[in-house]
Amino acid sequence: MEQAREMASVACRALEDKKGEDIRVIDISEISVLADYFVIASGSSNSQVTALVDNVEEKMHKAGYIQKQREGQNSGTWVLLDYGDIIVHVFDTESRSFYNLERIWSDGKQIEL
């Protein structure tokens, strides 16, 4: 669990570096077997979403974390990066509001890193 928290911290810093908006971390370890944490952020445009995703991938790779899956890269509206213990969701503003993962996963605990 401590490694997952550190992974989430690396992802958050990468999102902050590129001015990701409304960055949230949700601890889902008690309610799901999918992952320990969701890291959720928004970009104001498709190009910012791409920049956020690229920076997360770069920083996670440099930290030695292996990406298991990437979904949605071509859409630019919602990209999912699966690192096993954490899943990073990067949305454009409209898609984030529509899918509202924070509401769906409200049984999880939002945490500060």
PDB file of N, CA and C in Angstrom:
ATOM      1  N   MET A   1       0.824  -1.198   0.000  1.00  0.00           N
ATOM      2  CA  MET A   1       0.000   0.000   0.000  1.00  0.00           C
ATOM      3  C   MET A   1       0.869   1.263   0.000  1.00  0.00           C
ATOM      4  N   GLU A   2       2.024   1.192   0.688  1.00  0.00           N
ATOM      5  CA  GLU A   2       2.915   2.357   0.726  1.00  0.00           C
ATOM      6  C   GLU A   2       3.484   2.660  -0.661  1.00  0.00           C
ATOM      7  N   GLN A   3       3.811   1.620  -1.424  1.00  0.00           N
ATOM      8  CA  GLN A   3       4.303   1.833  -2.782  1.00  0.00           C
ATOM      9  C   GLN A   3       3.217   2.465  -3.645  1.00  0.00           C
ATOM     10  N   ALA A   4       1.986   2.035  -3.473  1.00  0.00           N
ATOM     11  CA  ALA A   4       0.881   2.605  -4.246  1.00  0.00           C
ATOM     12  C   ALA A   4       0.719   4.087  -3.925  1.00  0.00           C
ATOM     13  N   ARG A   5       0.873   4.434  -2.659  1.00  0.00           N
ATOM     14  CA  ARG A   5       0.764   5.843  -2.260  1.00  0.00           C
ATOM     15  C   ARG A   5       1.881   6.671  -2.899  1.00  0.00           C
ATOM     16  N   GLU A   6       3.088   6.117  -2.938  1.00  0.00           N
ATOM     17  CA  GLU A   6       4.206   6.819  -3.577  1.00  0.00           C
ATOM     18  C   GLU A   6       3.962   6.957  -5.080  1.00  0.00           C
ATOM     19  N   MET A   7       3.424   5.921  -5.703  1.00  0.00           N
ATOM     20  CA  MET A   7       3.089   5.995  -7.130  1.00  0.00           C
ATOM     21  C   MET A   7       2.082   7.117  -7.377  1.00  0.00           C
ATOM     22  N   ALA A   8       1.060   7.184  -6.533  1.00  0.00           N
ATOM     23  CA  ALA A   8       0.043   8.231  -6.669  1.00  0.00           C
ATOM     24  C   ALA A   8       0.671   9.611  -6.500  1.00  0.00           C
ATOM     25  N   SER A   9       1.628   9.719  -5.590  1.00  0.00           N
ATOM     26  CA  SER A   9       2.312  10.984  -5.361  1.00  0.00           C
ATOM     27  C   SER A   9       3.117  11.413  -6.591  1.00  0.00           C
ATOM     28  N   VAL A  10       3.813  10.470  -7.216  1.00  0.00           N
ATOM     29  CA  VAL A  10       4.570  10.772  -8.442  1.00  0.00           C
ATOM     30  C   VAL A  10       3.617  11.248  -9.535  1.00  0.00           C
ATOM     31  N   ALA A  11       2.498  10.568  -9.693  1.00  0.00           N
ATOM     32  CA  ALA A  11       1.519  10.949 -10.716  1.00  0.00           C
ATOM     33  C   ALA A  11       0.959  12.343 -10.439  1.00  0.00           C
ATOM     34  N   CYS A  12       0.654  12.631  -9.180  1.00  0.00           N
ATOM     35  CA  CYS A  12       0.123  13.954  -8.824  1.00  0.00           C
ATOM     36  C   CYS A  12       1.118  15.060  -9.141  1.00  0.00           C
ATOM     37  N   ARG A  13       2.376  14.842  -8.789  1.00  0.00           N
ATOM     38  CA  ARG A  13       3.399  15.857  -9.084  1.00  0.00           C
ATOM     39  C   ARG A  13       3.527  16.080 -10.590  1.00  0.00           C
ATOM     40  N   ALA A  14       3.442  15.004 -11.365  1.00  0.00           N
ATOM     41  CA  ALA A  14       3.527  15.131 -12.824  1.00  0.00           C
ATOM     42  C   ALA A  14       2.346  15.934 -13.360  1.00  0.00           C
ATOM     43  N   LEU A  15       1.172  15.712 -12.804  1.00  0.00           N
ATOM     44  CA  LEU A  15      -0.014  16.465 -13.225  1.00  0.00           C
ATOM     45  C   LEU A  15       0.099  17.930 -12.814  1.00  0.00           C
ATOM     46  N   GLU A  16       0.598  18.183 -11.614  1.00  0.00           N
ATOM     47  CA  GLU A  16       0.792  19.557 -11.149  1.00  0.00           C
ATOM     48  C   GLU A  16       1.803  20.295 -12.019  1.00  0.00           C
ATOM     49  N   ASP A  17       2.870  19.601 -12.437  1.00  0.00           N
ATOM     50  CA  ASP A  17       3.911  20.205 -13.273  1.00  0.00           C
ATOM     51  C   ASP A  17       3.346  20.804 -14.556  1.00  0.00           C
ATOM     52  N   LYS A  18       2.311  20.186 -15.090  1.00  0.00           N
ATOM     53  CA  LYS A  18       1.713  20.641 -16.356  1.00  0.00           C
ATOM     54  C   LYS A  18       0.380  21.344 -16.135  1.00  0.00           C
ATOM     55  N   LYS A  19       0.179  21.831 -14.913  1.00  0.00           N
ATOM     56  CA  LYS A  19      -1.001  22.635 -14.569  1.00  0.00           C
ATOM     57  C   LYS A  19      -2.313  21.868 -14.694  1.00  0.00           C
ATOM     58  N   GLY A  20      -2.289  20.584 -14.309  1.00  0.00           N
ATOM     59  CA  GLY A  20      -3.530  19.819 -14.249  1.00  0.00           C
ATOM     60  C   GLY A  20      -4.494  20.482 -13.279  1.00  0.00           C
ATOM     61  N   GLU A  21      -5.767  20.403 -13.591  1.00  0.00           N
ATOM     62  CA  GLU A  21      -6.788  21.076 -12.791  1.00  0.00           C
ATOM     63  C   GLU A  21      -7.517  20.077 -11.900  1.00  0.00           C
ATOM     64  N   ASP A  22      -7.908  20.537 -10.716  1.00  0.00           N
ATOM     65  CA  ASP A  22      -8.760  19.781  -9.794  1.00  0.00           C
ATOM     66  C   ASP A  22      -8.256  18.348  -9.599  1.00  0.00           C
ATOM     67  N   ILE A  23      -6.997  18.224  -9.208  1.00  0.00           N
ATOM     68  CA  ILE A  23      -6.374  16.907  -9.027  1.00  0.00           C
ATOM     69  C   ILE A  23      -6.902  16.281  -7.739  1.00  0.00           C
ATOM     70  N   ARG A  24      -7.408  15.074  -7.864  1.00  0.00           N
ATOM     71  CA  ARG A  24      -7.963  14.347  -6.718  1.00  0.00           C
ATOM     72  C   ARG A  24      -7.351  12.956  -6.641  1.00  0.00           C
ATOM     73  N   VAL A  25      -7.174  12.474  -5.431  1.00  0.00           N
ATOM     74  CA  VAL A  25      -6.738  11.100  -5.204  1.00  0.00           C
ATOM     75  C   VAL A  25      -7.802  10.430  -4.346  1.00  0.00           C
ATOM     76  N   ILE A  26      -8.291   9.295  -4.819  1.00  0.00           N
ATOM     77  CA  ILE A  26      -9.313   8.552  -4.092  1.00  0.00           C
ATOM     78  C   ILE A  26      -8.743   7.189  -3.716  1.00  0.00           C
ATOM     79  N   ASP A  27      -8.773   6.890  -2.434  1.00  0.00           N
ATOM     80  CA  ASP A  27      -8.351   5.588  -1.924  1.00  0.00           C
ATOM     81  C   ASP A  27      -9.529   4.632  -2.094  1.00  0.00           C
ATOM     82  N   ILE A  28      -9.380   3.671  -3.005  1.00  0.00           N
ATOM     83  CA  ILE A  28     -10.453   2.705  -3.260  1.00  0.00           C
ATOM     84  C   ILE A  28     -10.075   1.309  -2.771  1.00  0.00           C
ATOM     85  N   SER A  29      -9.002   1.210  -1.999  1.00  0.00           N
ATOM     86  CA  SER A  29      -8.484  -0.099  -1.586  1.00  0.00           C
ATOM     87  C   SER A  29      -9.479  -0.900  -0.752  1.00  0.00           C
ATOM     88  N   GLU A  30     -10.335  -0.222  -0.020  1.00  0.00           N
ATOM     89  CA  GLU A  30     -11.303  -0.915   0.841  1.00  0.00           C
ATOM     90  C   GLU A  30     -12.546  -1.362   0.073  1.00  0.00           C
ATOM     91  N   ILE A  31     -12.757  -0.823  -1.130  1.00  0.00           N
ATOM     92  CA  ILE A  31     -14.022  -1.084  -1.829  1.00  0.00           C
ATOM     93  C   ILE A  31     -13.852  -1.715  -3.203  1.00  0.00           C
ATOM     94  N   SER A  32     -12.615  -1.909  -3.644  1.00  0.00           N
ATOM     95  CA  SER A  32     -12.403  -2.441  -4.987  1.00  0.00           C
ATOM     96  C   SER A  32     -11.106  -3.238  -5.063  1.00  0.00           C
ATOM     97  N   VAL A  33     -11.100  -4.202  -5.962  1.00  0.00           N
ATOM     98  CA  VAL A  33      -9.870  -4.947  -6.234  1.00  0.00           C
ATOM     99  C   VAL A  33      -9.164  -4.404  -7.479  1.00  0.00           C
ATOM    100  N   LEU A  34      -9.753  -3.394  -8.122  1.00  0.00           N
ATOM    101  CA  LEU A  34      -9.165  -2.817  -9.336  1.00  0.00           C
ATOM    102  C   LEU A  34      -7.803  -2.193  -9.080  1.00  0.00           C
ATOM    103  N   ALA A  35      -7.707  -1.450  -7.990  1.00  0.00           N
ATOM    104  CA  ALA A  35      -6.494  -0.697  -7.672  1.00  0.00           C
ATOM    105  C   ALA A  35      -6.610  -0.218  -6.235  1.00  0.00           C
ATOM    106  N   ASP A  36      -5.542   0.389  -5.735  1.00  0.00           N
ATOM    107  CA  ASP A  36      -5.592   1.007  -4.411  1.00  0.00           C
ATOM    108  C   ASP A  36      -6.034   2.467  -4.494  1.00  0.00           C
ATOM    109  N   TYR A  37      -5.611   3.148  -5.573  1.00  0.00           N
ATOM    110  CA  TYR A  37      -5.923   4.568  -5.712  1.00  0.00           C
ATOM    111  C   TYR A  37      -6.346   4.900  -7.134  1.00  0.00           C
ATOM    112  N   PHE A  38      -7.270   5.849  -7.236  1.00  0.00           N
ATOM    113  CA  PHE A  38      -7.545   6.546  -8.483  1.00  0.00           C
ATOM    114  C   PHE A  38      -6.931   7.931  -8.342  1.00  0.00           C
ATOM    115  N   VAL A  39      -6.226   8.374  -9.362  1.00  0.00           N
ATOM    116  CA  VAL A  39      -5.758   9.753  -9.443  1.00  0.00           C
ATOM    117  C   VAL A  39      -6.531  10.366 -10.602  1.00  0.00           C
ATOM    118  N   ILE A  40      -7.249  11.460 -10.331  1.00  0.00           N
ATOM    119  CA  ILE A  40      -8.134  12.063 -11.323  1.00  0.00           C
ATOM    120  C   ILE A  40      -7.731  13.522 -11.508  1.00  0.00           C
ATOM    121  N   ALA A  41      -7.645  13.950 -12.770  1.00  0.00           N
ATOM    122  CA  ALA A  41      -7.304  15.345 -13.062  1.00  0.00           C
ATOM    123  C   ALA A  41      -7.980  15.765 -14.354  1.00  0.00           C
ATOM    124  N   SER A  42      -8.030  17.075 -14.567  1.00  0.00           N
ATOM    125  CA  SER A  42      -8.624  17.637 -15.778  1.00  0.00           C
ATOM    126  C   SER A  42      -7.625  18.520 -16.496  1.00  0.00           C
ATOM    127  N   GLY A  43      -7.811  18.593 -17.807  1.00  0.00           N
ATOM    128  CA  GLY A  43      -7.108  19.550 -18.643  1.00  0.00           C
ATOM    129  C   GLY A  43      -8.142  20.401 -19.354  1.00  0.00           C
ATOM    130  N   SER A  44      -7.792  21.629 -19.656  1.00  0.00           N
ATOM    131  CA  SER A  44      -8.767  22.553 -20.245  1.00  0.00           C
ATOM    132  C   SER A  44      -8.953  22.362 -21.746  1.00  0.00           C
ATOM    133  N   SER A  45      -8.097  21.553 -22.370  1.00  0.00           N
ATOM    134  CA  SER A  45      -8.201  21.304 -23.815  1.00  0.00           C
ATOM    135  C   SER A  45      -7.638  19.920 -24.121  1.00  0.00           C
ATOM    136  N   ASN A  46      -7.902  19.448 -25.329  1.00  0.00           N
ATOM    137  CA  ASN A  46      -7.353  18.150 -25.735  1.00  0.00           C
ATOM    138  C   ASN A  46      -5.829  18.155 -25.707  1.00  0.00           C
ATOM    139  N   SER A  47      -5.234  19.275 -26.120  1.00  0.00           N
ATOM    140  CA  SER A  47      -3.770  19.333 -26.125  1.00  0.00           C
ATOM    141  C   SER A  47      -3.215  19.329 -24.703  1.00  0.00           C
ATOM    142  N   GLN A  48      -3.912  19.950 -23.755  1.00  0.00           N
ATOM    143  CA  GLN A  48      -3.436  19.894 -22.374  1.00  0.00           C
ATOM    144  C   GLN A  48      -3.606  18.487 -21.803  1.00  0.00           C
ATOM    145  N   VAL A  49      -4.710  17.818 -22.137  1.00  0.00           N
ATOM    146  CA  VAL A  49      -4.894  16.431 -21.697  1.00  0.00           C
ATOM    147  C   VAL A  49      -3.717  15.586 -22.184  1.00  0.00           C
ATOM    148  N   THR A  50      -3.348  15.758 -23.445  1.00  0.00           N
ATOM    149  CA  THR A  50      -2.219  15.011 -24.011  1.00  0.00           C
ATOM    150  C   THR A  50      -0.921  15.338 -23.278  1.00  0.00           C
ATOM    151  N   ALA A  51      -0.692  16.618 -22.986  1.00  0.00           N
ATOM    152  CA  ALA A  51       0.519  17.022 -22.268  1.00  0.00           C
ATOM    153  C   ALA A  51       0.547  16.439 -20.858  1.00  0.00           C
ATOM    154  N   LEU A  52      -0.590  16.424 -20.189  1.00  0.00           N
ATOM    155  CA  LEU A  52      -0.673  15.846 -18.849  1.00  0.00           C
ATOM    156  C   LEU A  52      -0.340  14.360 -18.880  1.00  0.00           C
ATOM    157  N   VAL A  53      -0.949  13.649 -19.825  1.00  0.00           N
ATOM    158  CA  VAL A  53      -0.719  12.205 -19.958  1.00  0.00           C
ATOM    159  C   VAL A  53       0.748  11.927 -20.263  1.00  0.00           C
ATOM    160  N   ASP A  54       1.309  12.674 -21.208  1.00  0.00           N
ATOM    161  CA  ASP A  54       2.715  12.472 -21.573  1.00  0.00           C
ATOM    162  C   ASP A  54       3.635  12.670 -20.371  1.00  0.00           C
ATOM    163  N   ASN A  55       3.352  13.689 -19.558  1.00  0.00           N
ATOM    164  CA  ASN A  55       4.207  13.963 -18.407  1.00  0.00           C
ATOM    165  C   ASN A  55       4.062  12.881 -17.331  1.00  0.00           C
ATOM    166  N   VAL A  56       2.842  12.412 -17.107  1.00  0.00           N
ATOM    167  CA  VAL A  56       2.653  11.323 -16.142  1.00  0.00           C
ATOM    168  C   VAL A  56       3.433  10.095 -16.600  1.00  0.00           C
ATOM    169  N   GLU A  57       3.307   9.746 -17.875  1.00  0.00           N
ATOM    170  CA  GLU A  57       4.021   8.572 -18.390  1.00  0.00           C
ATOM    171  C   GLU A  57       5.531   8.724 -18.234  1.00  0.00           C
ATOM    172  N   GLU A  58       6.040   9.904 -18.537  1.00  0.00           N
ATOM    173  CA  GLU A  58       7.482  10.144 -18.433  1.00  0.00           C
ATOM    174  C   GLU A  58       7.963  10.034 -16.986  1.00  0.00           C
ATOM    175  N   LYS A  59       7.270  10.708 -16.072  1.00  0.00           N
ATOM    176  CA  LYS A  59       7.697  10.714 -14.665  1.00  0.00           C
ATOM    177  C   LYS A  59       7.543   9.333 -14.026  1.00  0.00           C
ATOM    178  N   MET A  60       6.475   8.624 -14.368  1.00  0.00           N
ATOM    179  CA  MET A  60       6.279   7.283 -13.807  1.00  0.00           C
ATOM    180  C   MET A  60       7.359   6.336 -14.330  1.00  0.00           C
ATOM    181  N   HIS A  61       7.687   6.453 -15.611  1.00  0.00           N
ATOM    182  CA  HIS A  61       8.735   5.614 -16.194  1.00  0.00           C
ATOM    183  C   HIS A  61      10.080   5.891 -15.516  1.00  0.00           C
ATOM    184  N   LYS A  62      10.407   7.178 -15.332  1.00  0.00           N
ATOM    185  CA  LYS A  62      11.667   7.542 -14.674  1.00  0.00           C
ATOM    186  C   LYS A  62      11.728   7.017 -13.244  1.00  0.00           C
ATOM    187  N   ALA A  63      10.560   6.927 -12.591  1.00  0.00           N
ATOM    188  CA  ALA A  63      10.506   6.422 -11.214  1.00  0.00           C
ATOM    189  C   ALA A  63      10.512   4.893 -11.166  1.00  0.00           C
ATOM    190  N   GLY A  64      10.485   4.261 -12.348  1.00  0.00           N
ATOM    191  CA  GLY A  64      10.564   2.806 -12.403  1.00  0.00           C
ATOM    192  C   GLY A  64       9.235   2.080 -12.367  1.00  0.00           C
ATOM    193  N   TYR A  65       8.146   2.814 -12.562  1.00  0.00           N
ATOM    194  CA  TYR A  65       6.823   2.190 -12.539  1.00  0.00           C
ATOM    195  C   TYR A  65       6.411   1.804 -13.956  1.00  0.00           C
ATOM    196  N   ILE A  66       5.900   0.598 -14.085  1.00  0.00           N
ATOM    197  CA  ILE A  66       5.561   0.057 -15.402  1.00  0.00           C
ATOM    198  C   ILE A  66       4.070   0.220 -15.671  1.00  0.00           C
ATOM    199  N   GLN A  67       3.772   0.825 -16.802  1.00  0.00           N
ATOM    200  CA  GLN A  67       2.379   0.997 -17.219  1.00  0.00           C
ATOM    201  C   GLN A  67       1.859  -0.316 -17.789  1.00  0.00           C
ATOM    202  N   LYS A  68       0.705  -0.732 -17.307  1.00  0.00           N
ATOM    203  CA  LYS A  68       0.110  -1.978 -17.769  1.00  0.00           C
ATOM    204  C   LYS A  68      -0.836  -1.763 -18.948  1.00  0.00           C
ATOM    205  N   GLN A  69      -1.488  -0.627 -18.986  1.00  0.00           N
ATOM    206  CA  GLN A  69      -2.503  -0.376 -20.013  1.00  0.00           C
ATOM    207  C   GLN A  69      -2.707   1.123 -20.174  1.00  0.00           C
ATOM    208  N   ARG A  70      -3.049   1.502 -21.402  1.00  0.00           N
ATOM    209  CA  ARG A  70      -3.454   2.883 -21.673  1.00  0.00           C
ATOM    210  C   ARG A  70      -4.679   2.823 -22.559  1.00  0.00           C
ATOM    211  N   GLU A  71      -5.695   3.589 -22.213  1.00  0.00           N
ATOM    212  CA  GLU A  71      -6.931   3.635 -22.995  1.00  0.00           C
ATOM    213  C   GLU A  71      -7.298   5.080 -23.283  1.00  0.00           C
ATOM    214  N   GLY A  72      -7.847   5.322 -24.468  1.00  0.00           N
ATOM    215  CA  GLY A  72      -8.414   6.623 -24.792  1.00  0.00           C
ATOM    216  C   GLY A  72      -7.457   7.664 -25.320  1.00  0.00           C
ATOM    217  N   GLN A  73      -6.231   7.307 -25.609  1.00  0.00           N
ATOM    218  CA  GLN A  73      -5.228   8.289 -26.028  1.00  0.00           C
ATOM    219  C   GLN A  73      -5.666   9.090 -27.249  1.00  0.00           C
ATOM    220  N   ASN A  74      -6.333   8.461 -28.181  1.00  0.00           N
ATOM    221  CA  ASN A  74      -6.707   9.153 -29.414  1.00  0.00           C
ATOM    222  C   ASN A  74      -7.874  10.118 -29.241  1.00  0.00           C
ATOM    223  N   SER A  75      -8.677   9.926 -28.211  1.00  0.00           N
ATOM    224  CA  SER A  75      -9.850  10.786 -28.051  1.00  0.00           C
ATOM    225  C   SER A  75      -9.490  12.154 -27.486  1.00  0.00           C
ATOM    226  N   GLY A  76      -8.542  12.195 -26.569  1.00  0.00           N
ATOM    227  CA  GLY A  76      -8.171  13.465 -25.946  1.00  0.00           C
ATOM    228  C   GLY A  76      -9.202  13.980 -24.963  1.00  0.00           C
ATOM    229  N   THR A  77     -10.259  13.194 -24.704  1.00  0.00           N
ATOM    230  CA  THR A  77     -11.282  13.628 -23.756  1.00  0.00           C
ATOM    231  C   THR A  77     -11.205  12.880 -22.433  1.00  0.00           C
ATOM    232  N   TRP A  78     -10.753  11.621 -22.475  1.00  0.00           N
ATOM    233  CA  TRP A  78     -10.566  10.827 -21.256  1.00  0.00           C
ATOM    234  C   TRP A  78      -9.496   9.793 -21.546  1.00  0.00           C
ATOM    235  N   VAL A  79      -8.384   9.904 -20.854  1.00  0.00           N
ATOM    236  CA  VAL A  79      -7.298   8.940 -21.005  1.00  0.00           C
ATOM    237  C   VAL A  79      -7.106   8.253 -19.659  1.00  0.00           C
ATOM    238  N   LEU A  80      -7.020   6.931 -19.707  1.00  0.00           N
ATOM    239  CA  LEU A  80      -6.824   6.113 -18.519  1.00  0.00           C
ATOM    240  C   LEU A  80      -5.448   5.471 -18.602  1.00  0.00           C
ATOM    241  N   LEU A  81      -4.671   5.624 -17.548  1.00  0.00           N
ATOM    242  CA  LEU A  81      -3.347   5.008 -17.445  1.00  0.00           C
ATOM    243  C   LEU A  81      -3.373   4.042 -16.272  1.00  0.00           C
ATOM    244  N   ASP A  82      -3.196   2.768 -16.550  1.00  0.00           N
ATOM    245  CA  ASP A  82      -3.270   1.731 -15.524  1.00  0.00           C
ATOM    246  C   ASP A  82      -1.862   1.312 -15.121  1.00  0.00           C
ATOM    247  N   TYR A  83      -1.541   1.563 -13.853  1.00  0.00           N
ATOM    248  CA  TYR A  83      -0.249   1.158 -13.304  1.00  0.00           C
ATOM    249  C   TYR A  83      -0.406   0.037 -12.275  1.00  0.00           C
ATOM    250  N   GLY A  84      -1.510  -0.668 -12.333  1.00  0.00           N
ATOM    251  CA  GLY A  84      -1.745  -1.773 -11.409  1.00  0.00           C
ATOM    252  C   GLY A  84      -2.304  -1.289 -10.086  1.00  0.00           C
ATOM    253  N   ASP A  85      -1.441  -0.776  -9.212  1.00  0.00           N
ATOM    254  CA  ASP A  85      -1.885  -0.309  -7.899  1.00  0.00           C
ATOM    255  C   ASP A  85      -2.602   1.034  -7.960  1.00  0.00           C
ATOM    256  N   ILE A  86      -2.325   1.801  -8.997  1.00  0.00           N
ATOM    257  CA  ILE A  86      -3.046   3.067  -9.187  1.00  0.00           C
ATOM    258  C   ILE A  86      -3.544   3.141 -10.624  1.00  0.00           C
ATOM    259  N   ILE A  87      -4.630   3.872 -10.797  1.00  0.00           N
ATOM    260  CA  ILE A  87      -5.151   4.158 -12.129  1.00  0.00           C
ATOM    261  C   ILE A  87      -5.293   5.668 -12.231  1.00  0.00           C
ATOM    262  N   VAL A  88      -4.680   6.243 -13.250  1.00  0.00           N
ATOM    263  CA  VAL A  88      -4.717   7.685 -13.475  1.00  0.00           C
ATOM    264  C   VAL A  88      -5.754   7.968 -14.558  1.00  0.00           C
ATOM    265  N   HIS A  89      -6.687   8.862 -14.253  1.00  0.00           N
ATOM    266  CA  HIS A  89      -7.710   9.288 -15.205  1.00  0.00           C
ATOM    267  C   HIS A  89      -7.465  10.759 -15.514  1.00  0.00           C
ATOM    268  N   VAL A  90      -7.279  11.087 -16.786  1.00  0.00           N
ATOM    269  CA  VAL A  90      -7.115  12.479 -17.191  1.00  0.00           C
ATOM    270  C   VAL A  90      -8.235  12.804 -18.171  1.00  0.00           C
ATOM    271  N   PHE A  91      -9.044  13.788 -17.814  1.00  0.00           N
ATOM    272  CA  PHE A  91     -10.224  14.171 -18.583  1.00  0.00           C
ATOM    273  C   PHE A  91     -10.082  15.582 -19.134  1.00  0.00           C
ATOM    274  N   ASP A  92     -10.846  15.880 -20.196  1.00  0.00           N
ATOM    275  CA  ASP A  92     -11.118  17.280 -20.468  1.00  0.00           C
ATOM    276  C   ASP A  92     -12.243  17.678 -19.505  1.00  0.00           C
ATOM    277  N   THR A  93     -12.471  18.956 -19.333  1.00  0.00           N
ATOM    278  CA  THR A  93     -13.409  19.437 -18.318  1.00  0.00           C
ATOM    279  C   THR A  93     -14.820  18.897 -18.525  1.00  0.00           C
ATOM    280  N   GLU A  94     -15.290  18.911 -19.753  1.00  0.00           N
ATOM    281  CA  GLU A  94     -16.656  18.467 -20.047  1.00  0.00           C
ATOM    282  C   GLU A  94     -16.838  16.972 -19.755  1.00  0.00           C
ATOM    283  N   SER A  95     -15.893  16.159 -20.170  1.00  0.00           N
ATOM    284  CA  SER A  95     -15.998  14.712 -19.941  1.00  0.00           C
ATOM    285  C   SER A  95     -15.919  14.380 -18.456  1.00  0.00           C
ATOM    286  N   ARG A  96     -15.092  15.101 -17.731  1.00  0.00           N
ATOM    287  CA  ARG A  96     -14.997  14.831 -16.293  1.00  0.00           C
ATOM    288  C   ARG A  96     -16.321  15.101 -15.605  1.00  0.00           C
ATOM    289  N   SER A  97     -16.951  16.190 -15.977  1.00  0.00           N
ATOM    290  CA  SER A  97     -18.252  16.514 -15.403  1.00  0.00           C
ATOM    291  C   SER A  97     -19.293  15.456 -15.768  1.00  0.00           C
ATOM    292  N   PHE A  98     -19.252  14.983 -17.009  1.00  0.00           N
ATOM    293  CA  PHE A  98     -20.219  13.994 -17.484  1.00  0.00           C
ATOM    294  C   PHE A  98     -20.051  12.653 -16.764  1.00  0.00           C
ATOM    295  N   TYR A  99     -18.822  12.149 -16.690  1.00  0.00           N
ATOM    296  CA  TYR A  99     -18.590  10.829 -16.099  1.00  0.00           C
ATOM    297  C   TYR A  99     -18.566  10.848 -14.571  1.00  0.00           C
ATOM    298  N   ASN A 100     -18.144  11.961 -13.988  1.00  0.00           N
ATOM    299  CA  ASN A 100     -18.201  12.205 -12.545  1.00  0.00           C
ATOM    300  C   ASN A 100     -17.743  11.004 -11.704  1.00  0.00           C
ATOM    301  N   LEU A 101     -16.504  10.587 -11.920  1.00  0.00           N
ATOM    302  CA  LEU A 101     -15.968   9.444 -11.180  1.00  0.00           C
ATOM    303  C   LEU A 101     -15.966   9.666  -9.671  1.00  0.00           C
ATOM    304  N   GLU A 102     -15.808  10.909  -9.252  1.00  0.00           N
ATOM    305  CA  GLU A 102     -15.813  11.196  -7.820  1.00  0.00           C
ATOM    306  C   GLU A 102     -17.146  10.789  -7.191  1.00  0.00           C
ATOM    307  N   ARG A 103     -18.243  10.982  -7.900  1.00  0.00           N
ATOM    308  CA  ARG A 103     -19.552  10.577  -7.382  1.00  0.00           C
ATOM    309  C   ARG A 103     -19.689   9.064  -7.410  1.00  0.00           C
ATOM    310  N   ILE A 104     -19.302   8.455  -8.530  1.00  0.00           N
ATOM    311  CA  ILE A 104     -19.425   7.001  -8.673  1.00  0.00           C
ATOM    312  C   ILE A 104     -18.615   6.282  -7.592  1.00  0.00           C
ATOM    313  N   TRP A 105     -17.437   6.801  -7.286  1.00  0.00           N
ATOM    314  CA  TRP A 105     -16.551   6.174  -6.306  1.00  0.00           C
ATOM    315  C   TRP A 105     -16.586   6.914  -4.969  1.00  0.00           C
ATOM    316  N   SER A 106     -17.725   7.487  -4.625  1.00  0.00           N
ATOM    317  CA  SER A 106     -17.831   8.294  -3.403  1.00  0.00           C
ATOM    318  C   SER A 106     -17.658   7.478  -2.120  1.00  0.00           C
ATOM    319  N   ASP A 107     -17.755   6.153  -2.205  1.00  0.00           N
ATOM    320  CA  ASP A 107     -17.489   5.323  -1.027  1.00  0.00           C
ATOM    321  C   ASP A 107     -15.994   5.248  -0.718  1.00  0.00           C
ATOM    322  N   GLY A 108     -15.163   5.642  -1.677  1.00  0.00           N
ATOM    323  CA  GLY A 108     -13.728   5.721  -1.435  1.00  0.00           C
ATOM    324  C   GLY A 108     -13.406   6.968  -0.628  1.00  0.00           C
ATOM    325  N   LYS A 109     -12.178   7.034  -0.115  1.00  0.00           N
ATOM    326  CA  LYS A 109     -11.760   8.181   0.691  1.00  0.00           C
ATOM    327  C   LYS A 109     -10.877   9.095  -0.143  1.00  0.00           C
ATOM    328  N   GLN A 110     -11.274  10.368  -0.271  1.00  0.00           N
ATOM    329  CA  GLN A 110     -10.398  11.332  -0.931  1.00  0.00           C
ATOM    330  C   GLN A 110      -9.278  11.671   0.041  1.00  0.00           C
ATOM    331  N   ILE A 111      -8.054  11.624  -0.473  1.00  0.00           N
ATOM    332  CA  ILE A 111      -6.897  11.870   0.390  1.00  0.00           C
ATOM    333  C   ILE A 111      -6.030  12.982  -0.190  1.00  0.00           C
ATOM    334  N   GLU A 112      -5.218  13.554   0.673  1.00  0.00           N
ATOM    335  CA  GLU A 112      -4.232  14.563   0.281  1.00  0.00           C
ATOM    336  C   GLU A 112      -2.862  13.899   0.262  1.00  0.00           C
ATOM    337  N   LEU A 113      -2.069  14.214  -0.739  1.00  0.00           N
ATOM    338  CA  LEU A 113      -0.698  13.692  -0.797  1.00  0.00           C
ATOM    339  C   LEU A 113       0.299  14.817  -0.664  1.00  0.00           C
TER     340      LEU A 113
END
